Protein backbone atom coordinates (compact mmCIF):
# COMPACT_ATOMS: atom_id res chain seq x y z
CA MET A 1 0.00 0.00 0.00
CA SER A 2 1.58 3.26 -1.06
CA ILE A 3 1.60 6.51 0.85
CA GLY A 4 -0.76 8.03 -1.72
CA ASN A 5 -3.35 5.31 -1.08
CA VAL A 6 -3.03 5.79 2.67
CA ARG A 7 -3.52 9.54 2.30
CA VAL A 8 -6.66 9.00 0.19
CA ILE A 9 -8.09 6.52 2.71
CA PHE A 10 -7.59 8.87 5.65
CA ASP A 11 -8.90 11.87 3.71
CA ASN A 12 -12.04 9.86 2.96
CA LEU A 13 -12.40 8.82 6.59
CA LEU A 14 -12.03 12.39 7.80
CA THR A 15 -14.59 13.60 5.27
CA LEU A 16 -17.03 10.90 6.36
CA LYS A 17 -16.41 11.75 9.99
CA ASN A 18 -16.94 15.45 9.53
CA LYS A 19 -20.00 15.26 7.30
CA ARG A 20 -21.79 12.03 8.04
CA ILE A 21 -20.74 10.40 11.30
CA ARG A 22 -23.24 12.39 13.33
CA SER A 23 -26.13 11.22 11.18
CA ALA A 24 -24.72 7.75 10.40
CA ASP A 25 -26.37 4.63 11.71
CA ASP A 26 -24.48 2.01 13.72
CA SER A 27 -23.70 -0.25 10.76
CA GLU A 28 -22.08 2.63 8.88
CA LYS A 29 -20.01 3.59 11.93
CA LYS A 30 -18.85 -0.02 12.27
CA ARG A 31 -17.88 -0.09 8.60
CA ILE A 32 -15.83 3.09 8.97
CA CYS A 33 -14.09 1.73 12.08
CA ARG A 34 -13.31 -1.57 10.35
CA LEU A 35 -11.86 0.25 7.35
CA ALA A 36 -9.67 2.37 9.63
CA PHE A 37 -8.50 -0.68 11.61
CA ILE A 38 -7.69 -2.71 8.50
CA SER A 39 -5.84 0.25 6.98
CA LEU A 40 -3.77 0.77 10.10
CA TYR A 41 -3.04 -2.98 10.34
CA PHE A 42 -1.74 -3.12 6.79
CA ILE A 43 0.32 0.04 7.28
CA PHE A 44 2.01 -0.78 10.59
CA CYS A 45 1.55 -4.42 11.68
CA ARG A 46 1.56 -6.66 8.62
CA ASP A 47 5.32 -6.86 8.08
CA TYR A 48 6.03 -7.31 11.79
CA THR A 49 3.59 -10.19 12.27
CA PHE A 50 4.68 -11.92 9.06
CA ASN A 51 8.38 -11.67 9.99
CA ARG A 52 7.67 -12.92 13.50
CA PHE A 53 5.73 -15.89 12.09
CA ILE A 54 8.62 -16.83 9.77
CA PHE A 55 11.13 -16.40 12.62
CA ASP A 56 9.12 -18.78 14.84
CA ILE A 57 9.01 -21.39 12.07
CA GLN A 58 12.78 -21.15 11.54
CA LYS A 59 13.43 -21.33 15.29
CA ASN A 60 11.35 -24.52 15.60
CA GLU A 61 13.16 -26.19 12.70
CA ARG A 62 16.57 -25.89 14.41
């Protein structure tokens, strides 16, 4: 995921928050929160968890 894509996602989330979150129903709020969580996971955590998983496999093979 490139920085440009991340910027677009967060711009969209901020726009939704400012314009629609007050009038949004619960399902729409959950969808926005899920999108934010998934975006943050793929930005910050994906490489760490994958590398840790591979390291554990290599450690067990020794």
